[in-house]
Amino acid sequence: MNSFNIGLSYDVNLSQLSGASQNNGGFEISLKYISLPKKDLVQDSFSNWLRKSF
């Protein structure tokens, strides 16, 4: 089963580069797609062969 996840986080700035970031953090939005692999076809074929052979 494939699925999407959406996340929201806050990035705290701990860097010494305060000139670039002005010591500000920021919100971050993430989108994650999870694709689960299909059954292993080689394993299924071997299992079927074993069942038929014995």
PDB file of N, CA and C in Angstrom:
ATOM      1  N   MET A   1       0.846  -1.173   0.000  1.00  0.00           N
ATOM      2  CA  MET A   1       0.000   0.000   0.000  1.00  0.00           C
ATOM      3  C   MET A   1       0.897   1.244   0.000  1.00  0.00           C
ATOM      4  N   ASN A   2       0.679   2.115  -0.928  1.00  0.00           N
ATOM      5  CA  ASN A   2       1.440   3.354  -1.035  1.00  0.00           C
ATOM      6  C   ASN A   2       0.724   4.459  -0.259  1.00  0.00           C
ATOM      7  N   SER A   3       1.509   5.404   0.248  1.00  0.00           N
ATOM      8  CA  SER A   3       0.875   6.482   1.008  1.00  0.00           C
ATOM      9  C   SER A   3       1.706   7.757   0.955  1.00  0.00           C
ATOM     10  N   PHE A   4       1.041   8.850   1.233  1.00  0.00           N
ATOM     11  CA  PHE A   4       1.679  10.157   1.354  1.00  0.00           C
ATOM     12  C   PHE A   4       1.589  10.614   2.799  1.00  0.00           C
ATOM     13  N   ASN A   5       2.624  11.290   3.267  1.00  0.00           N
ATOM     14  CA  ASN A   5       2.623  11.906   4.592  1.00  0.00           C
ATOM     15  C   ASN A   5       3.024  13.369   4.436  1.00  0.00           C
ATOM     16  N   ILE A   6       2.376  14.244   5.182  1.00  0.00           N
ATOM     17  CA  ILE A   6       2.718  15.665   5.183  1.00  0.00           C
ATOM     18  C   ILE A   6       3.187  16.021   6.584  1.00  0.00           C
ATOM     19  N   GLY A   7       4.285  16.773   6.676  1.00  0.00           N
ATOM     20  CA  GLY A   7       4.815  17.147   7.973  1.00  0.00           C
ATOM     21  C   GLY A   7       5.076  18.638   8.068  1.00  0.00           C
ATOM     22  N   LEU A   8       5.038  19.155   9.271  1.00  0.00           N
ATOM     23  CA  LEU A   8       5.356  20.552   9.547  1.00  0.00           C
ATOM     24  C   LEU A   8       6.326  20.570  10.716  1.00  0.00           C
ATOM     25  N   SER A   9       7.429  21.292  10.555  1.00  0.00           N
ATOM     26  CA  SER A   9       8.417  21.370  11.632  1.00  0.00           C
ATOM     27  C   SER A   9       8.983  22.783  11.693  1.00  0.00           C
ATOM     28  N   TYR A  10       9.692  23.055  12.766  1.00  0.00           N
ATOM     29  CA  TYR A  10      10.346  24.348  12.927  1.00  0.00           C
ATOM     30  C   TYR A  10      11.832  24.101  13.087  1.00  0.00           C
ATOM     31  N   ASP A  11      12.626  24.770  12.281  1.00  0.00           N
ATOM     32  CA  ASP A  11      14.074  24.629  12.293  1.00  0.00           C
ATOM     33  C   ASP A  11      14.662  25.716  13.193  1.00  0.00           C
ATOM     34  N   VAL A  12      15.208  25.302  14.340  1.00  0.00           N
ATOM     35  CA  VAL A  12      15.825  26.244  15.269  1.00  0.00           C
ATOM     36  C   VAL A  12      17.246  26.525  14.796  1.00  0.00           C
ATOM     37  N   ASN A  13      17.615  27.799  14.745  1.00  0.00           N
ATOM     38  CA  ASN A  13      18.941  28.179  14.282  1.00  0.00           C
ATOM     39  C   ASN A  13      19.911  28.240  15.456  1.00  0.00           C
ATOM     40  N   LEU A  14      20.935  27.383  15.402  1.00  0.00           N
ATOM     41  CA  LEU A  14      21.969  27.371  16.428  1.00  0.00           C
ATOM     42  C   LEU A  14      23.334  27.731  15.828  1.00  0.00           C
ATOM     43  N   SER A  15      23.318  28.206  14.607  1.00  0.00           N
ATOM     44  CA  SER A  15      24.545  28.469  13.864  1.00  0.00           C
ATOM     45  C   SER A  15      25.263  29.722  14.352  1.00  0.00           C
ATOM     46  N   GLN A  16      26.579  29.738  14.170  1.00  0.00           N
ATOM     47  CA  GLN A  16      27.387  30.916  14.461  1.00  0.00           C
ATOM     48  C   GLN A  16      27.292  31.939  13.326  1.00  0.00           C
ATOM     49  N   LEU A  17      26.669  31.575  12.232  1.00  0.00           N
ATOM     50  CA  LEU A  17      26.558  32.471  11.070  1.00  0.00           C
ATOM     51  C   LEU A  17      25.345  33.383  11.223  1.00  0.00           C
ATOM     52  N   SER A  18      25.319  34.165  12.275  1.00  0.00           N
ATOM     53  CA  SER A  18      24.164  35.010  12.566  1.00  0.00           C
ATOM     54  C   SER A  18      23.984  36.119  11.539  1.00  0.00           C
ATOM     55  N   GLY A  19      25.060  36.508  10.859  1.00  0.00           N
ATOM     56  CA  GLY A  19      24.929  37.536   9.820  1.00  0.00           C
ATOM     57  C   GLY A  19      24.073  37.075   8.657  1.00  0.00           C
ATOM     58  N   ALA A  20      24.186  35.812   8.317  1.00  0.00           N
ATOM     59  CA  ALA A  20      23.415  35.270   7.195  1.00  0.00           C
ATOM     60  C   ALA A  20      21.982  34.970   7.589  1.00  0.00           C
ATOM     61  N   SER A  21      21.793  34.461   8.798  1.00  0.00           N
ATOM     62  CA  SER A  21      20.454  34.028   9.196  1.00  0.00           C
ATOM     63  C   SER A  21      19.758  34.997  10.142  1.00  0.00           C
ATOM     64  N   GLN A  22      20.464  35.936  10.666  1.00  0.00           N
ATOM     65  CA  GLN A  22      19.938  36.909  11.636  1.00  0.00           C
ATOM     66  C   GLN A  22      19.304  36.194  12.839  1.00  0.00           C
ATOM     67  N   ASN A  23      19.867  35.045  13.190  1.00  0.00           N
ATOM     68  CA  ASN A  23      19.412  34.229  14.316  1.00  0.00           C
ATOM     69  C   ASN A  23      17.950  33.806  14.224  1.00  0.00           C
ATOM     70  N   ASN A  24      17.425  33.751  13.020  1.00  0.00           N
ATOM     71  CA  ASN A  24      16.040  33.329  12.823  1.00  0.00           C
ATOM     72  C   ASN A  24      15.987  31.872  12.413  1.00  0.00           C
ATOM     73  N   GLY A  25      15.043  31.170  12.944  1.00  0.00           N
ATOM     74  CA  GLY A  25      14.747  29.820  12.483  1.00  0.00           C
ATOM     75  C   GLY A  25      13.695  29.921  11.388  1.00  0.00           C
ATOM     76  N   GLY A  26      13.056  28.830  11.122  1.00  0.00           N
ATOM     77  CA  GLY A  26      12.014  28.875  10.104  1.00  0.00           C
ATOM     78  C   GLY A  26      11.174  27.619  10.092  1.00  0.00           C
ATOM     79  N   PHE A  27       9.949  27.771   9.621  1.00  0.00           N
ATOM     80  CA  PHE A  27       9.059  26.626   9.455  1.00  0.00           C
ATOM     81  C   PHE A  27       9.442  25.879   8.200  1.00  0.00           C
ATOM     82  N   GLU A  28       9.258  24.560   8.253  1.00  0.00           N
ATOM     83  CA  GLU A  28       9.536  23.701   7.107  1.00  0.00           C
ATOM     84  C   GLU A  28       8.350  22.782   6.891  1.00  0.00           C
ATOM     85  N   ILE A  29       7.983  22.613   5.640  1.00  0.00           N
ATOM     86  CA  ILE A  29       6.907  21.701   5.264  1.00  0.00           C
ATOM     87  C   ILE A  29       7.533  20.569   4.471  1.00  0.00           C
ATOM     88  N   SER A  30       7.154  19.344   4.794  1.00  0.00           N
ATOM     89  CA  SER A  30       7.692  18.200   4.069  1.00  0.00           C
ATOM     90  C   SER A  30       6.558  17.341   3.526  1.00  0.00           C
ATOM     91  N   LEU A  31       6.817  16.733   2.395  1.00  0.00           N
ATOM     92  CA  LEU A  31       5.890  15.794   1.768  1.00  0.00           C
ATOM     93  C   LEU A  31       6.668  14.514   1.511  1.00  0.00           C
ATOM     94  N   LYS A  32       6.185  13.399   2.060  1.00  0.00           N
ATOM     95  CA  LYS A  32       6.886  12.132   1.934  1.00  0.00           C
ATOM     96  C   LYS A  32       5.973  11.124   1.248  1.00  0.00           C
ATOM     97  N   TYR A  33       6.511  10.451   0.232  1.00  0.00           N
ATOM     98  CA  TYR A  33       5.772   9.394  -0.471  1.00  0.00           C
ATOM     99  C   TYR A  33       6.429   8.068  -0.137  1.00  0.00           C
ATOM    100  N   ILE A  34       5.647   7.125   0.342  1.00  0.00           N
ATOM    101  CA  ILE A  34       6.155   5.807   0.693  1.00  0.00           C
ATOM    102  C   ILE A  34       5.565   4.793  -0.269  1.00  0.00           C
ATOM    103  N   SER A  35       6.450   4.114  -0.982  1.00  0.00           N
ATOM    104  CA  SER A  35       6.035   3.077  -1.920  1.00  0.00           C
ATOM    105  C   SER A  35       6.568   1.745  -1.419  1.00  0.00           C
ATOM    106  N   LEU A  36       5.688   0.867  -1.040  1.00  0.00           N
ATOM    107  CA  LEU A  36       6.105  -0.431  -0.542  1.00  0.00           C
ATOM    108  C   LEU A  36       6.379  -1.361  -1.723  1.00  0.00           C
ATOM    109  N   PRO A  37       7.436  -2.160  -1.633  1.00  0.00           N
ATOM    110  CA  PRO A  37       7.773  -3.054  -2.752  1.00  0.00           C
ATOM    111  C   PRO A  37       6.727  -4.146  -2.915  1.00  0.00           C
ATOM    112  N   LYS A  38       6.594  -4.591  -4.156  1.00  0.00           N
ATOM    113  CA  LYS A  38       5.688  -5.703  -4.428  1.00  0.00           C
ATOM    114  C   LYS A  38       6.326  -6.975  -3.895  1.00  0.00           C
ATOM    115  N   LYS A  39       5.538  -8.013  -3.740  1.00  0.00           N
ATOM    116  CA  LYS A  39       6.072  -9.276  -3.251  1.00  0.00           C
ATOM    117  C   LYS A  39       7.231  -9.720  -4.130  1.00  0.00           C
ATOM    118  N   ASP A  40       8.162 -10.381  -3.519  1.00  0.00           N
ATOM    119  CA  ASP A  40       9.329 -10.873  -4.240  1.00  0.00           C
ATOM    120  C   ASP A  40       8.887 -11.994  -5.183  1.00  0.00           C
ATOM    121  N   LEU A  41       8.948 -11.733  -6.482  1.00  0.00           N
ATOM    122  CA  LEU A  41       8.457 -12.696  -7.459  1.00  0.00           C
ATOM    123  C   LEU A  41       9.312 -13.955  -7.486  1.00  0.00           C
ATOM    124  N   VAL A  42      10.609 -13.820  -7.274  1.00  0.00           N
ATOM    125  CA  VAL A  42      11.487 -14.995  -7.270  1.00  0.00           C
ATOM    126  C   VAL A  42      11.133 -15.895  -6.099  1.00  0.00           C
ATOM    127  N   GLN A  43      10.937 -15.329  -4.922  1.00  0.00           N
ATOM    128  CA  GLN A  43      10.582 -16.118  -3.740  1.00  0.00           C
ATOM    129  C   GLN A  43       9.242 -16.803  -3.943  1.00  0.00           C
ATOM    130  N   ASP A  44       8.261 -16.092  -4.508  1.00  0.00           N
ATOM    131  CA  ASP A  44       6.949 -16.687  -4.748  1.00  0.00           C
ATOM    132  C   ASP A  44       7.043 -17.842  -5.733  1.00  0.00           C
ATOM    133  N   SER A  45       7.834 -17.672  -6.789  1.00  0.00           N
ATOM    134  CA  SER A  45       7.979 -18.736  -7.783  1.00  0.00           C
ATOM    135  C   SER A  45       8.624 -19.963  -7.158  1.00  0.00           C
ATOM    136  N   PHE A  46       9.660 -19.747  -6.333  1.00  0.00           N
ATOM    137  CA  PHE A  46      10.331 -20.865  -5.672  1.00  0.00           C
ATOM    138  C   PHE A  46       9.384 -21.574  -4.712  1.00  0.00           C
ATOM    139  N   SER A  47       8.613 -20.805  -3.966  1.00  0.00           N
ATOM    140  CA  SER A  47       7.656 -21.408  -3.023  1.00  0.00           C
ATOM    141  C   SER A  47       6.619 -22.228  -3.760  1.00  0.00           C
ATOM    142  N   ASN A  48       6.123 -21.726  -4.883  1.00  0.00           N
ATOM    143  CA  ASN A  48       5.147 -22.472  -5.671  1.00  0.00           C
ATOM    144  C   ASN A  48       5.752 -23.757  -6.213  1.00  0.00           C
ATOM    145  N   TRP A  49       7.003 -23.703  -6.668  1.00  0.00           N
ATOM    146  CA  TRP A  49       7.684 -24.888  -7.180  1.00  0.00           C
ATOM    147  C   TRP A  49       7.836 -25.934  -6.084  1.00  0.00           C
ATOM    148  N   LEU A  50       8.203 -25.486  -4.865  1.00  0.00           N
ATOM    149  CA  LEU A  50       8.349 -26.435  -3.767  1.00  0.00           C
ATOM    150  C   LEU A  50       7.037 -27.128  -3.435  1.00  0.00           C
ATOM    151  N   ARG A  51       5.962 -26.368  -3.410  1.00  0.00           N
ATOM    152  CA  ARG A  51       4.659 -26.947  -3.083  1.00  0.00           C
ATOM    153  C   ARG A  51       4.233 -27.977  -4.127  1.00  0.00           C
ATOM    154  N   LYS A  52       4.510 -27.697  -5.390  1.00  0.00           N
ATOM    155  CA  LYS A  52       4.102 -28.621  -6.465  1.00  0.00           C
ATOM    156  C   LYS A  52       5.006 -29.839  -6.521  1.00  0.00           C
ATOM    157  N   SER A  53       6.267 -29.672  -6.114  1.00  0.00           N
ATOM    158  CA  SER A  53       7.234 -30.770  -6.256  1.00  0.00           C
ATOM    159  C   SER A  53       7.153 -31.779  -5.136  1.00  0.00           C
ATOM    160  N   PHE A  54       6.724 -31.384  -3.960  1.00  0.00           N
ATOM    161  CA  PHE A  54       6.757 -32.302  -2.831  1.00  0.00           C
ATOM    162  C   PHE A  54       5.391 -32.556  -2.301  1.00  0.00           C
TER     163      PHE A  54
END
